[in-house]
Amino acid sequence: MDPKVSDLAYQHQRDLFKWFFELPFNSLSKEVIERYAEITTEESHCNIVPHTKEIFERLLKPLKSAKKNYCLSDYSTTIALCGTVGEMLAILLWKINEVRLKNNLITEQDEKGLFGESIEKLGQDRRLKILKTFGQITEKQYQEFIDVKNSRKPYLHLWSADLSSEKDDALKVFKKTFKLFKDITGIGLADARSVKINPLMLKLFKDIKINKF
């Protein structure tokens, strides 16, 4: 490789790490970089992500934090944040599918009458059952959501939990959460020139922004 090209690639990588970790590159240990490589795979990475303020705050920001905390070996925080993203994805699904009642968009008051509470304020178990009943998620996706939700319990709620698999569990739940994110939003590269997205998501976009993740 041309030395100039090699130097540019190296500098780009340094800049990427500095942006991602918000720390000087020289302060990052070999172990941190290795964990970054472990969690940054084709199945758990998007080069560019169009987003709204809500998508950034509710999905991209906690996903980035989950990934960063894995790199810094704070695995229980990764697991907790993935659970949060799972809940946000479920609420997003309900919003973009625009359920109708007697030809009118369902209101929060309708949700309370049907389910006892608005979708946003229901527990995740109940919310997921409703999404599956309305055909908004498949049985496989339902189980993936449940796996993400249940991953939090031993690490955040049980004193007697065995924490020996914390790192492996954090990596698995992050990859599962990111898969759900990509499946539901449909966000990715269609080809070298264009970005793809779930058509149902388009209604959320007014001023489209592009972000690296």
N, C-alpha and C. Protein backbone atom coordinates (compact mmCIF):
# COMPACT_ATOMS: atom_id res chain seq x y z
N MET A 1 0.84 -1.20 0.00
CA MET A 1 0.00 0.00 0.00
C MET A 1 0.88 1.25 0.00
N ASP A 2 0.45 2.23 -0.76
CA ASP A 2 1.15 3.52 -0.78
C ASP A 2 1.23 4.07 0.64
N PRO A 3 2.43 4.48 1.08
CA PRO A 3 2.58 5.01 2.45
C PRO A 3 1.63 6.16 2.76
N LYS A 4 1.36 7.02 1.77
CA LYS A 4 0.45 8.14 2.00
C LYS A 4 -0.97 7.64 2.27
N VAL A 5 -1.37 6.64 1.49
CA VAL A 5 -2.70 6.05 1.68
C VAL A 5 -2.78 5.38 3.04
N SER A 6 -1.71 4.67 3.39
CA SER A 6 -1.66 4.00 4.69
C SER A 6 -1.76 5.00 5.84
N ASP A 7 -1.04 6.11 5.71
CA ASP A 7 -1.08 7.15 6.75
C ASP A 7 -2.47 7.76 6.87
N LEU A 8 -3.12 7.99 5.73
CA LEU A 8 -4.47 8.55 5.75
C LEU A 8 -5.45 7.60 6.41
N ALA A 9 -5.32 6.30 6.09
CA ALA A 9 -6.20 5.29 6.68
C ALA A 9 -6.00 5.22 8.19
N TYR A 10 -4.74 5.28 8.60
CA TYR A 10 -4.44 5.23 10.03
C TYR A 10 -5.01 6.44 10.76
N GLN A 11 -4.86 7.62 10.15
CA GLN A 11 -5.38 8.83 10.77
C GLN A 11 -6.91 8.81 10.83
N HIS A 12 -7.52 8.28 9.77
CA HIS A 12 -8.99 8.16 9.76
C HIS A 12 -9.45 7.26 10.90
N GLN A 13 -8.74 6.15 11.11
CA GLN A 13 -9.10 5.23 12.18
C GLN A 13 -8.94 5.89 13.55
N ARG A 14 -7.88 6.64 13.72
CA ARG A 14 -7.66 7.36 14.98
C ARG A 14 -8.78 8.37 15.22
N ASP A 15 -9.16 9.08 14.17
CA ASP A 15 -10.23 10.08 14.29
C ASP A 15 -11.56 9.41 14.63
N LEU A 16 -11.79 8.23 14.03
CA LEU A 16 -13.02 7.49 14.31
C LEU A 16 -13.09 7.08 15.77
N PHE A 17 -11.99 6.56 16.30
CA PHE A 17 -11.96 6.16 17.72
C PHE A 17 -12.13 7.38 18.63
N LYS A 18 -11.50 8.47 18.27
CA LYS A 18 -11.61 9.69 19.08
C LYS A 18 -13.06 10.17 19.11
N TRP A 19 -13.73 10.13 17.95
CA TRP A 19 -15.14 10.54 17.88
C TRP A 19 -16.02 9.59 18.69
N PHE A 20 -15.80 8.29 18.53
CA PHE A 20 -16.67 7.31 19.17
C PHE A 20 -16.53 7.33 20.68
N PHE A 21 -15.30 7.31 21.17
CA PHE A 21 -15.07 7.23 22.61
C PHE A 21 -15.05 8.59 23.30
N GLU A 22 -14.92 9.65 22.49
CA GLU A 22 -14.81 11.00 23.05
C GLU A 22 -13.62 11.09 24.01
N LEU A 23 -12.56 10.40 23.61
CA LEU A 23 -11.32 10.35 24.38
C LEU A 23 -10.14 10.43 23.41
N PRO A 24 -8.99 10.93 23.85
CA PRO A 24 -7.81 10.91 22.99
C PRO A 24 -7.45 9.46 22.63
N PHE A 25 -7.04 9.25 21.40
CA PHE A 25 -6.71 7.90 20.95
C PHE A 25 -5.65 7.26 21.82
N ASN A 26 -4.67 8.03 22.24
CA ASN A 26 -3.56 7.49 23.04
C ASN A 26 -4.00 7.00 24.41
N SER A 27 -5.19 7.40 24.84
CA SER A 27 -5.68 6.96 26.15
C SER A 27 -6.40 5.62 26.09
N LEU A 28 -6.61 5.10 24.88
CA LEU A 28 -7.33 3.84 24.72
C LEU A 28 -6.36 2.67 24.79
N SER A 29 -6.66 1.72 25.64
CA SER A 29 -5.79 0.55 25.80
C SER A 29 -6.01 -0.45 24.67
N LYS A 30 -5.08 -1.38 24.56
CA LYS A 30 -5.19 -2.44 23.56
C LYS A 30 -6.46 -3.25 23.78
N GLU A 31 -6.81 -3.49 25.04
CA GLU A 31 -8.00 -4.29 25.37
C GLU A 31 -9.28 -3.58 24.92
N VAL A 32 -9.32 -2.27 25.06
CA VAL A 32 -10.49 -1.50 24.61
C VAL A 32 -10.65 -1.62 23.10
N ILE A 33 -9.55 -1.49 22.37
CA ILE A 33 -9.59 -1.60 20.90
C ILE A 33 -10.01 -3.00 20.49
N GLU A 34 -9.52 -4.01 21.20
CA GLU A 34 -9.89 -5.39 20.88
C GLU A 34 -11.38 -5.64 21.09
N ARG A 35 -11.92 -5.08 22.19
CA ARG A 35 -13.36 -5.25 22.43
C ARG A 35 -14.18 -4.48 21.40
N TYR A 36 -13.66 -3.35 20.94
CA TYR A 36 -14.34 -2.62 19.86
C TYR A 36 -14.42 -3.49 18.61
N ALA A 37 -13.33 -4.18 18.29
CA ALA A 37 -13.32 -5.06 17.12
C ALA A 37 -14.30 -6.22 17.30
N GLU A 38 -14.42 -6.73 18.52
CA GLU A 38 -15.35 -7.84 18.80
C GLU A 38 -16.80 -7.45 18.53
N ILE A 39 -17.15 -6.23 18.90
CA ILE A 39 -18.55 -5.82 18.84
C ILE A 39 -18.91 -5.10 17.54
N THR A 40 -17.89 -4.77 16.74
CA THR A 40 -18.13 -4.06 15.48
C THR A 40 -17.99 -5.03 14.32
N THR A 41 -19.06 -5.73 14.03
CA THR A 41 -19.08 -6.70 12.94
C THR A 41 -20.15 -6.29 11.94
N GLU A 42 -20.23 -7.01 10.85
CA GLU A 42 -21.23 -6.69 9.82
C GLU A 42 -22.64 -6.74 10.38
N GLU A 43 -22.89 -7.66 11.31
CA GLU A 43 -24.23 -7.81 11.86
C GLU A 43 -24.54 -6.78 12.95
N SER A 44 -23.54 -6.07 13.43
CA SER A 44 -23.78 -5.13 14.52
C SER A 44 -23.23 -3.74 14.22
N HIS A 45 -23.28 -3.36 12.94
CA HIS A 45 -22.71 -2.07 12.56
C HIS A 45 -23.44 -1.51 11.34
N CYS A 46 -23.66 -0.21 11.32
CA CYS A 46 -24.18 0.50 10.16
C CYS A 46 -23.24 1.67 9.88
N ASN A 47 -22.87 1.85 8.62
CA ASN A 47 -21.97 2.95 8.29
C ASN A 47 -22.66 4.30 8.42
N ILE A 48 -23.89 4.40 7.92
CA ILE A 48 -24.62 5.65 8.02
C ILE A 48 -26.06 5.36 8.41
N VAL A 49 -26.63 6.26 9.19
CA VAL A 49 -27.99 6.06 9.68
C VAL A 49 -28.77 7.37 9.60
N PRO A 50 -29.73 7.48 8.66
CA PRO A 50 -30.58 8.67 8.65
C PRO A 50 -31.44 8.68 9.90
N HIS A 51 -31.67 9.86 10.47
CA HIS A 51 -32.41 9.85 11.72
C HIS A 51 -33.11 11.18 11.99
N THR A 52 -34.10 11.11 12.83
CA THR A 52 -34.74 12.29 13.38
C THR A 52 -34.19 12.49 14.79
N LYS A 53 -34.58 13.57 15.43
CA LYS A 53 -34.15 13.82 16.80
C LYS A 53 -34.60 12.69 17.71
N GLU A 54 -35.86 12.21 17.51
CA GLU A 54 -36.39 11.15 18.36
C GLU A 54 -35.64 9.84 18.14
N ILE A 55 -35.35 9.50 16.88
CA ILE A 55 -34.62 8.26 16.59
C ILE A 55 -33.22 8.32 17.21
N PHE A 56 -32.59 9.48 17.13
CA PHE A 56 -31.26 9.63 17.73
C PHE A 56 -31.32 9.45 19.25
N GLU A 57 -32.26 10.16 19.90
CA GLU A 57 -32.33 10.14 21.36
C GLU A 57 -32.79 8.79 21.90
N ARG A 58 -33.76 8.16 21.23
CA ARG A 58 -34.37 6.94 21.77
C ARG A 58 -33.66 5.66 21.33
N LEU A 59 -32.98 5.71 20.18
CA LEU A 59 -32.37 4.49 19.65
C LEU A 59 -30.85 4.60 19.46
N LEU A 60 -30.42 5.56 18.65
CA LEU A 60 -29.00 5.62 18.31
C LEU A 60 -28.11 5.95 19.50
N LYS A 61 -28.53 6.90 20.30
CA LYS A 61 -27.72 7.30 21.46
C LYS A 61 -27.54 6.15 22.45
N PRO A 62 -28.62 5.45 22.87
CA PRO A 62 -28.41 4.32 23.78
C PRO A 62 -27.67 3.15 23.13
N LEU A 63 -27.85 2.94 21.82
CA LEU A 63 -27.09 1.88 21.15
C LEU A 63 -25.60 2.20 21.16
N LYS A 64 -25.27 3.44 20.86
CA LYS A 64 -23.86 3.85 20.89
C LYS A 64 -23.29 3.71 22.30
N SER A 65 -24.07 4.11 23.30
CA SER A 65 -23.61 3.99 24.69
C SER A 65 -23.44 2.53 25.09
N ALA A 66 -24.35 1.67 24.63
CA ALA A 66 -24.24 0.24 24.93
C ALA A 66 -22.95 -0.33 24.34
N LYS A 67 -22.66 0.05 23.11
CA LYS A 67 -21.45 -0.42 22.44
C LYS A 67 -20.20 0.11 23.15
N LYS A 68 -20.21 1.39 23.49
CA LYS A 68 -19.07 2.00 24.17
C LYS A 68 -18.81 1.34 25.52
N ASN A 69 -19.89 1.08 26.27
CA ASN A 69 -19.72 0.47 27.59
C ASN A 69 -19.20 -0.96 27.49
N TYR A 70 -19.56 -1.67 26.42
CA TYR A 70 -18.97 -3.00 26.20
C TYR A 70 -17.46 -2.86 26.01
N CYS A 71 -17.06 -1.91 25.19
CA CYS A 71 -15.63 -1.70 24.94
C CYS A 71 -14.88 -1.37 26.23
N LEU A 72 -15.55 -0.67 27.13
CA LEU A 72 -14.93 -0.26 28.40
C LEU A 72 -15.14 -1.30 29.50
N SER A 73 -15.66 -2.46 29.13
CA SER A 73 -15.89 -3.62 30.00
C SER A 73 -16.96 -3.39 31.07
N ASP A 74 -17.86 -2.45 30.83
CA ASP A 74 -19.00 -2.23 31.72
C ASP A 74 -20.20 -2.99 31.12
N TYR A 75 -20.15 -4.31 31.24
CA TYR A 75 -21.07 -5.17 30.50
C TYR A 75 -22.52 -5.08 30.98
N SER A 76 -22.73 -4.92 32.27
CA SER A 76 -24.10 -4.84 32.77
C SER A 76 -24.81 -3.60 32.24
N THR A 77 -24.06 -2.52 32.03
CA THR A 77 -24.65 -1.31 31.45
C THR A 77 -25.04 -1.54 30.00
N THR A 78 -24.22 -2.28 29.27
CA THR A 78 -24.57 -2.66 27.90
C THR A 78 -25.89 -3.41 27.87
N ILE A 79 -26.03 -4.38 28.76
CA ILE A 79 -27.25 -5.19 28.82
C ILE A 79 -28.45 -4.32 29.17
N ALA A 80 -28.29 -3.43 30.14
CA ALA A 80 -29.39 -2.56 30.55
C ALA A 80 -29.83 -1.64 29.42
N LEU A 81 -28.88 -1.06 28.71
CA LEU A 81 -29.20 -0.15 27.61
C LEU A 81 -29.87 -0.88 26.45
N CYS A 82 -29.46 -2.11 26.20
CA CYS A 82 -30.11 -2.89 25.15
C CYS A 82 -31.58 -3.14 25.50
N GLY A 83 -31.86 -3.37 26.77
CA GLY A 83 -33.24 -3.53 27.20
C GLY A 83 -34.05 -2.27 26.93
N THR A 84 -33.45 -1.12 27.17
CA THR A 84 -34.11 0.16 26.89
C THR A 84 -34.40 0.31 25.40
N VAL A 85 -33.43 -0.02 24.56
CA VAL A 85 -33.61 0.07 23.12
C VAL A 85 -34.73 -0.87 22.67
N GLY A 86 -34.79 -2.07 23.26
CA GLY A 86 -35.86 -3.00 22.92
C GLY A 86 -37.23 -2.40 23.18
N GLU A 87 -37.38 -1.72 24.30
CA GLU A 87 -38.66 -1.09 24.62
C GLU A 87 -38.98 0.03 23.64
N MET A 88 -37.98 0.83 23.30
CA MET A 88 -38.19 1.93 22.35
C MET A 88 -38.56 1.41 20.97
N LEU A 89 -37.94 0.31 20.55
CA LEU A 89 -38.26 -0.28 19.25
C LEU A 89 -39.71 -0.78 19.21
N ALA A 90 -40.16 -1.37 20.31
CA ALA A 90 -41.54 -1.86 20.37
C ALA A 90 -42.53 -0.70 20.26
N ILE A 91 -42.25 0.39 20.96
CA ILE A 91 -43.13 1.57 20.90
C ILE A 91 -43.10 2.18 19.49
N LEU A 92 -41.91 2.23 18.89
CA LEU A 92 -41.77 2.75 17.53
C LEU A 92 -42.61 1.94 16.55
N LEU A 93 -42.56 0.62 16.68
CA LEU A 93 -43.34 -0.24 15.79
C LEU A 93 -44.82 0.11 15.83
N TRP A 94 -45.34 0.28 17.02
CA TRP A 94 -46.76 0.63 17.17
C TRP A 94 -47.06 1.96 16.49
N LYS A 95 -46.17 2.92 16.64
CA LYS A 95 -46.39 4.25 16.08
C LYS A 95 -46.37 4.23 14.56
N ILE A 96 -45.41 3.56 13.96
CA ILE A 96 -45.29 3.62 12.50
C ILE A 96 -46.33 2.77 11.79
N ASN A 97 -46.92 1.80 12.47
CA ASN A 97 -47.94 0.97 11.84
C ASN A 97 -49.31 1.63 11.81
N GLU A 98 -49.49 2.70 12.57
CA GLU A 98 -50.71 3.51 12.53
C GLU A 98 -51.98 2.65 12.56
N VAL A 99 -52.17 1.98 13.68
CA VAL A 99 -53.37 1.15 13.87
C VAL A 99 -54.62 2.02 13.79
N ARG A 100 -55.65 1.49 13.14
CA ARG A 100 -56.90 2.24 12.98
C ARG A 100 -58.05 1.54 13.71
N LEU A 101 -58.94 2.34 14.21
CA LEU A 101 -60.14 1.86 14.88
C LEU A 101 -61.33 2.57 14.24
N LYS A 102 -62.19 1.78 13.58
CA LYS A 102 -63.32 2.35 12.82
C LYS A 102 -62.84 3.41 11.83
N ASN A 103 -61.79 3.05 11.10
CA ASN A 103 -61.21 3.88 10.04
C ASN A 103 -60.50 5.14 10.54
N ASN A 104 -60.39 5.31 11.84
CA ASN A 104 -59.67 6.45 12.39
C ASN A 104 -58.41 5.96 13.10
N LEU A 105 -57.35 6.78 13.04
CA LEU A 105 -56.13 6.42 13.75
C LEU A 105 -56.42 6.26 15.23
N ILE A 106 -55.92 5.18 15.81
CA ILE A 106 -56.17 4.92 17.22
C ILE A 106 -55.53 6.02 18.08
N THR A 107 -56.25 6.45 19.08
CA THR A 107 -55.76 7.50 19.97
C THR A 107 -55.26 6.89 21.28
N GLU A 108 -54.59 7.70 22.06
CA GLU A 108 -54.13 7.24 23.37
C GLU A 108 -55.31 6.84 24.25
N GLN A 109 -56.42 7.58 24.11
CA GLN A 109 -57.62 7.25 24.88
C GLN A 109 -58.18 5.90 24.45
N ASP A 110 -58.14 5.63 23.15
CA ASP A 110 -58.58 4.32 22.64
C ASP A 110 -57.70 3.21 23.22
N GLU A 111 -56.40 3.44 23.24
CA GLU A 111 -55.47 2.45 23.78
C GLU A 111 -55.79 2.15 25.24
N LYS A 112 -56.08 3.19 26.00
CA LYS A 112 -56.42 2.99 27.41
C LYS A 112 -57.70 2.18 27.55
N GLY A 113 -58.68 2.44 26.66
CA GLY A 113 -59.92 1.69 26.71
C GLY A 113 -59.74 0.23 26.34
N LEU A 114 -58.86 -0.03 25.38
CA LEU A 114 -58.63 -1.40 24.91
C LEU A 114 -57.68 -2.19 25.81
N PHE A 115 -56.61 -1.54 26.24
CA PHE A 115 -55.53 -2.26 26.93
C PHE A 115 -55.37 -1.88 28.40
N GLY A 116 -56.15 -0.90 28.86
CA GLY A 116 -56.04 -0.46 30.25
C GLY A 116 -55.01 0.62 30.47
N GLU A 117 -54.18 0.86 29.46
CA GLU A 117 -53.15 1.90 29.53
C GLU A 117 -52.67 2.17 28.12
N SER A 118 -52.02 3.29 27.91
CA SER A 118 -51.46 3.57 26.59
C SER A 118 -50.33 2.59 26.30
N ILE A 119 -50.10 2.32 25.02
CA ILE A 119 -49.04 1.39 24.63
C ILE A 119 -47.70 1.80 25.24
N GLU A 120 -47.44 3.09 25.26
CA GLU A 120 -46.16 3.58 25.77
C GLU A 120 -45.97 3.27 27.24
N LYS A 121 -47.06 3.23 28.00
CA LYS A 121 -46.95 3.04 29.45
C LYS A 121 -47.18 1.60 29.89
N LEU A 122 -47.49 0.72 28.95
CA LEU A 122 -47.63 -0.70 29.29
C LEU A 122 -46.27 -1.32 29.58
N GLY A 123 -46.26 -2.45 30.29
CA GLY A 123 -45.03 -3.21 30.46
C GLY A 123 -44.64 -3.85 29.13
N GLN A 124 -43.36 -4.18 28.99
CA GLN A 124 -42.87 -4.72 27.72
C GLN A 124 -43.50 -6.05 27.38
N ASP A 125 -43.76 -6.90 28.35
CA ASP A 125 -44.39 -8.19 28.07
C ASP A 125 -45.73 -8.00 27.38
N ARG A 126 -46.58 -7.17 27.97
CA ARG A 126 -47.91 -6.92 27.41
C ARG A 126 -47.80 -6.23 26.05
N ARG A 127 -46.91 -5.30 25.95
CA ARG A 127 -46.73 -4.56 24.69
C ARG A 127 -46.36 -5.51 23.56
N LEU A 128 -45.45 -6.42 23.82
CA LEU A 128 -45.00 -7.36 22.79
C LEU A 128 -46.11 -8.31 22.37
N LYS A 129 -46.93 -8.74 23.32
CA LYS A 129 -48.05 -9.61 22.98
C LYS A 129 -49.04 -8.89 22.07
N ILE A 130 -49.26 -7.61 22.34
CA ILE A 130 -50.15 -6.82 21.49
C ILE A 130 -49.57 -6.67 20.09
N LEU A 131 -48.28 -6.38 19.99
CA LEU A 131 -47.64 -6.25 18.68
C LEU A 131 -47.75 -7.55 17.89
N LYS A 132 -47.56 -8.67 18.56
CA LYS A 132 -47.65 -9.97 17.88
C LYS A 132 -49.09 -10.24 17.44
N THR A 133 -50.05 -9.92 18.30
CA THR A 133 -51.47 -10.13 17.98
C THR A 133 -51.88 -9.31 16.76
N PHE A 134 -51.35 -8.09 16.66
CA PHE A 134 -51.69 -7.21 15.54
C PHE A 134 -50.83 -7.50 14.31
N GLY A 135 -49.98 -8.51 14.38
CA GLY A 135 -49.17 -8.90 13.23
C GLY A 135 -48.04 -7.95 12.91
N GLN A 136 -47.62 -7.16 13.89
CA GLN A 136 -46.55 -6.20 13.64
C GLN A 136 -45.16 -6.79 13.85
N ILE A 137 -45.08 -7.93 14.52
CA ILE A 137 -43.83 -8.67 14.65
C ILE A 137 -44.09 -10.15 14.42
N THR A 138 -43.07 -10.84 13.95
CA THR A 138 -43.18 -12.27 13.74
C THR A 138 -42.94 -13.01 15.06
N GLU A 139 -43.20 -14.29 15.06
CA GLU A 139 -42.93 -15.09 16.25
C GLU A 139 -41.44 -15.06 16.59
N LYS A 140 -40.60 -15.09 15.57
CA LYS A 140 -39.15 -15.04 15.79
C LYS A 140 -38.74 -13.71 16.41
N GLN A 141 -39.28 -12.62 15.87
CA GLN A 141 -38.96 -11.30 16.43
C GLN A 141 -39.49 -11.16 17.85
N TYR A 142 -40.66 -11.72 18.10
CA TYR A 142 -41.22 -11.69 19.45
C TYR A 142 -40.26 -12.35 20.43
N GLN A 143 -39.72 -13.50 20.05
CA GLN A 143 -38.79 -14.21 20.93
C GLN A 143 -37.49 -13.44 21.11
N GLU A 144 -37.04 -12.77 20.04
CA GLU A 144 -35.82 -11.96 20.16
C GLU A 144 -36.04 -10.79 21.12
N PHE A 145 -37.19 -10.16 21.02
CA PHE A 145 -37.53 -9.09 21.97
C PHE A 145 -37.55 -9.61 23.40
N ILE A 146 -38.16 -10.78 23.60
CA ILE A 146 -38.24 -11.38 24.94
C ILE A 146 -36.85 -11.69 25.46
N ASP A 147 -35.99 -12.22 24.60
CA ASP A 147 -34.62 -12.54 25.01
C ASP A 147 -33.88 -11.28 25.48
N VAL A 148 -34.05 -10.19 24.73
CA VAL A 148 -33.41 -8.93 25.11
C VAL A 148 -33.95 -8.45 26.46
N LYS A 149 -35.25 -8.51 26.62
CA LYS A 149 -35.88 -8.07 27.87
C LYS A 149 -35.40 -8.91 29.06
N ASN A 150 -35.41 -10.23 28.87
CA ASN A 150 -35.06 -11.13 29.97
C ASN A 150 -33.57 -11.10 30.33
N SER A 151 -32.75 -10.64 29.41
CA SER A 151 -31.30 -10.63 29.67
C SER A 151 -30.94 -9.71 30.83
N ARG A 152 -31.81 -8.74 31.12
CA ARG A 152 -31.50 -7.78 32.19
C ARG A 152 -31.66 -8.38 33.58
N LYS A 153 -32.58 -9.31 33.72
CA LYS A 153 -32.98 -9.75 35.06
C LYS A 153 -31.82 -10.25 35.92
N PRO A 154 -31.01 -11.21 35.44
CA PRO A 154 -29.95 -11.71 36.33
C PRO A 154 -28.92 -10.66 36.72
N TYR A 155 -28.66 -9.72 35.83
CA TYR A 155 -27.60 -8.74 36.09
C TYR A 155 -28.08 -7.51 36.84
N LEU A 156 -29.37 -7.21 36.76
CA LEU A 156 -29.87 -5.98 37.36
C LEU A 156 -30.83 -6.21 38.53
N HIS A 157 -31.34 -7.45 38.67
CA HIS A 157 -32.39 -7.65 39.67
C HIS A 157 -32.15 -8.83 40.61
N LEU A 158 -31.14 -9.66 40.35
CA LEU A 158 -30.94 -10.85 41.17
C LEU A 158 -29.60 -10.79 41.91
N TRP A 159 -29.66 -10.88 43.22
CA TRP A 159 -28.45 -10.89 44.05
C TRP A 159 -27.62 -12.14 43.81
N SER A 160 -28.30 -13.26 43.61
CA SER A 160 -27.62 -14.56 43.54
C SER A 160 -27.19 -14.93 42.12
N ALA A 161 -27.29 -14.02 41.17
CA ALA A 161 -26.99 -14.35 39.78
C ALA A 161 -25.52 -14.72 39.58
N ASP A 162 -25.28 -15.66 38.67
CA ASP A 162 -23.92 -16.03 38.26
C ASP A 162 -23.48 -15.04 37.18
N LEU A 163 -22.44 -14.27 37.45
CA LEU A 163 -22.00 -13.23 36.53
C LEU A 163 -20.81 -13.67 35.67
N SER A 164 -20.51 -14.96 35.67
CA SER A 164 -19.32 -15.43 34.96
C SER A 164 -19.43 -15.27 33.44
N SER A 165 -20.65 -15.20 32.92
CA SER A 165 -20.85 -15.08 31.46
C SER A 165 -21.25 -13.66 31.06
N GLU A 166 -20.98 -12.69 31.92
CA GLU A 166 -21.46 -11.33 31.70
C GLU A 166 -20.99 -10.76 30.36
N LYS A 167 -19.72 -10.95 30.04
CA LYS A 167 -19.19 -10.40 28.79
C LYS A 167 -19.85 -11.05 27.58
N ASP A 168 -19.92 -12.37 27.57
CA ASP A 168 -20.55 -13.08 26.45
C ASP A 168 -22.02 -12.69 26.32
N ASP A 169 -22.70 -12.59 27.44
CA ASP A 169 -24.12 -12.23 27.40
C ASP A 169 -24.32 -10.82 26.87
N ALA A 170 -23.43 -9.91 27.26
CA ALA A 170 -23.53 -8.53 26.78
C ALA A 170 -23.34 -8.46 25.27
N LEU A 171 -22.38 -9.22 24.76
CA LEU A 171 -22.13 -9.23 23.31
C LEU A 171 -23.32 -9.82 22.56
N LYS A 172 -23.86 -10.92 23.09
CA LYS A 172 -25.00 -11.56 22.44
C LYS A 172 -26.23 -10.66 22.42
N VAL A 173 -26.51 -10.02 23.55
CA VAL A 173 -27.72 -9.19 23.61
C VAL A 173 -27.55 -7.93 22.77
N PHE A 174 -26.33 -7.40 22.67
CA PHE A 174 -26.12 -6.24 21.80
C PHE A 174 -26.38 -6.62 20.35
N LYS A 175 -25.83 -7.74 19.92
CA LYS A 175 -26.01 -8.17 18.53
C LYS A 175 -27.48 -8.45 18.23
N LYS A 176 -28.18 -9.05 19.19
CA LYS A 176 -29.60 -9.33 19.00
C LYS A 176 -30.40 -8.03 18.93
N THR A 177 -30.05 -7.08 19.78
CA THR A 177 -30.74 -5.79 19.78
C THR A 177 -30.48 -5.03 18.49
N PHE A 178 -29.24 -5.07 18.03
CA PHE A 178 -28.91 -4.35 16.80
C PHE A 178 -29.60 -4.99 15.60
N LYS A 179 -29.73 -6.31 15.63
CA LYS A 179 -30.46 -7.00 14.56
C LYS A 179 -31.92 -6.54 14.53
N LEU A 180 -32.54 -6.45 15.71
CA LEU A 180 -33.92 -5.96 15.78
C LEU A 180 -34.00 -4.52 15.25
N PHE A 181 -33.03 -3.71 15.62
CA PHE A 181 -32.99 -2.33 15.14
C PHE A 181 -32.97 -2.29 13.61
N LYS A 182 -32.10 -3.09 13.00
CA LYS A 182 -32.00 -3.09 11.54
C LYS A 182 -33.23 -3.70 10.89
N ASP A 183 -33.77 -4.77 11.48
CA ASP A 183 -34.96 -5.41 10.91
C ASP A 183 -36.16 -4.47 10.91
N ILE A 184 -36.34 -3.75 12.01
CA ILE A 184 -37.53 -2.91 12.17
C ILE A 184 -37.41 -1.60 11.41
N THR A 185 -36.26 -0.95 11.49
CA THR A 185 -36.09 0.33 10.80
C THR A 185 -35.77 0.14 9.32
N GLY A 186 -35.21 -1.03 8.98
CA GLY A 186 -34.83 -1.27 7.60
C GLY A 186 -33.67 -0.41 7.14
N ILE A 187 -33.00 0.23 8.09
CA ILE A 187 -31.94 1.18 7.75
C ILE A 187 -30.67 0.45 7.33
N GLY A 188 -30.09 0.91 6.23
CA GLY A 188 -28.85 0.34 5.76
C GLY A 188 -28.49 0.93 4.42
N LEU A 189 -27.48 0.39 3.77
CA LEU A 189 -27.07 0.84 2.45
C LEU A 189 -27.71 -0.02 1.39
N ALA A 190 -28.47 0.61 0.48
CA ALA A 190 -29.05 -0.14 -0.63
C ALA A 190 -27.97 -0.46 -1.65
N ASP A 191 -27.11 0.51 -1.90
CA ASP A 191 -25.95 0.35 -2.78
C ASP A 191 -24.97 1.46 -2.42
N ALA A 192 -23.99 1.66 -3.26
CA ALA A 192 -22.95 2.64 -2.94
C ALA A 192 -23.47 4.07 -2.91
N ARG A 193 -24.63 4.30 -3.51
CA ARG A 193 -25.10 5.68 -3.66
C ARG A 193 -26.36 6.00 -2.86
N SER A 194 -27.00 5.01 -2.30
CA SER A 194 -28.29 5.30 -1.66
C SER A 194 -28.46 4.54 -0.35
N VAL A 195 -29.31 5.11 0.50
CA VAL A 195 -29.64 4.54 1.80
C VAL A 195 -31.03 3.94 1.73
N LYS A 196 -31.22 2.78 2.35
CA LYS A 196 -32.55 2.18 2.38
C LYS A 196 -33.14 2.32 3.77
N ILE A 197 -34.48 2.27 3.83
CA ILE A 197 -35.18 2.41 5.10
C ILE A 197 -36.56 1.78 4.96
N ASN A 198 -37.10 1.27 6.05
CA ASN A 198 -38.45 0.75 6.07
C ASN A 198 -39.41 1.86 5.63
N PRO A 199 -40.21 1.64 4.58
CA PRO A 199 -41.13 2.69 4.10
C PRO A 199 -42.03 3.24 5.20
N LEU A 200 -42.38 2.42 6.18
CA LEU A 200 -43.23 2.89 7.27
C LEU A 200 -42.54 3.97 8.10
N MET A 201 -41.21 4.00 8.03
CA MET A 201 -40.45 4.97 8.81
C MET A 201 -40.45 6.36 8.17
N LEU A 202 -40.75 6.42 6.88
CA LEU A 202 -40.60 7.67 6.15
C LEU A 202 -41.48 8.78 6.71
N LYS A 203 -42.62 8.40 7.27
CA LYS A 203 -43.53 9.42 7.82
C LYS A 203 -42.91 10.18 8.99
N LEU A 204 -41.86 9.60 9.59
CA LEU A 204 -41.21 10.26 10.73
C LEU A 204 -40.20 11.32 10.29
N PHE A 205 -39.86 11.30 8.99
CA PHE A 205 -38.78 12.16 8.50
C PHE A 205 -39.31 13.43 7.86
N LYS A 206 -38.86 14.53 8.37
CA LYS A 206 -39.12 15.82 7.75
C LYS A 206 -37.80 16.37 7.25
N ASP A 207 -36.90 16.61 8.19
CA ASP A 207 -35.54 17.04 7.83
C ASP A 207 -34.61 15.88 8.12
N ILE A 208 -34.24 15.15 7.07
CA ILE A 208 -33.42 13.96 7.24
C ILE A 208 -31.98 14.33 7.52
N LYS A 209 -31.42 13.68 8.53
CA LYS A 209 -30.02 13.85 8.86
C LYS A 209 -29.31 12.52 8.67
N ILE A 210 -28.04 12.58 8.44
CA ILE A 210 -27.24 11.36 8.28
C ILE A 210 -26.22 11.31 9.40
N ASN A 211 -26.10 10.14 10.02
CA ASN A 211 -25.17 10.00 11.14
C ASN A 211 -24.39 8.71 10.99
N LYS A 212 -23.14 8.71 11.39
CA LYS A 212 -22.35 7.48 11.42
C LYS A 212 -22.58 6.78 12.73
N PHE A 213 -22.54 5.44 12.69
CA PHE A 213 -22.68 4.70 13.95
C PHE A 213 -21.68 3.56 13.95
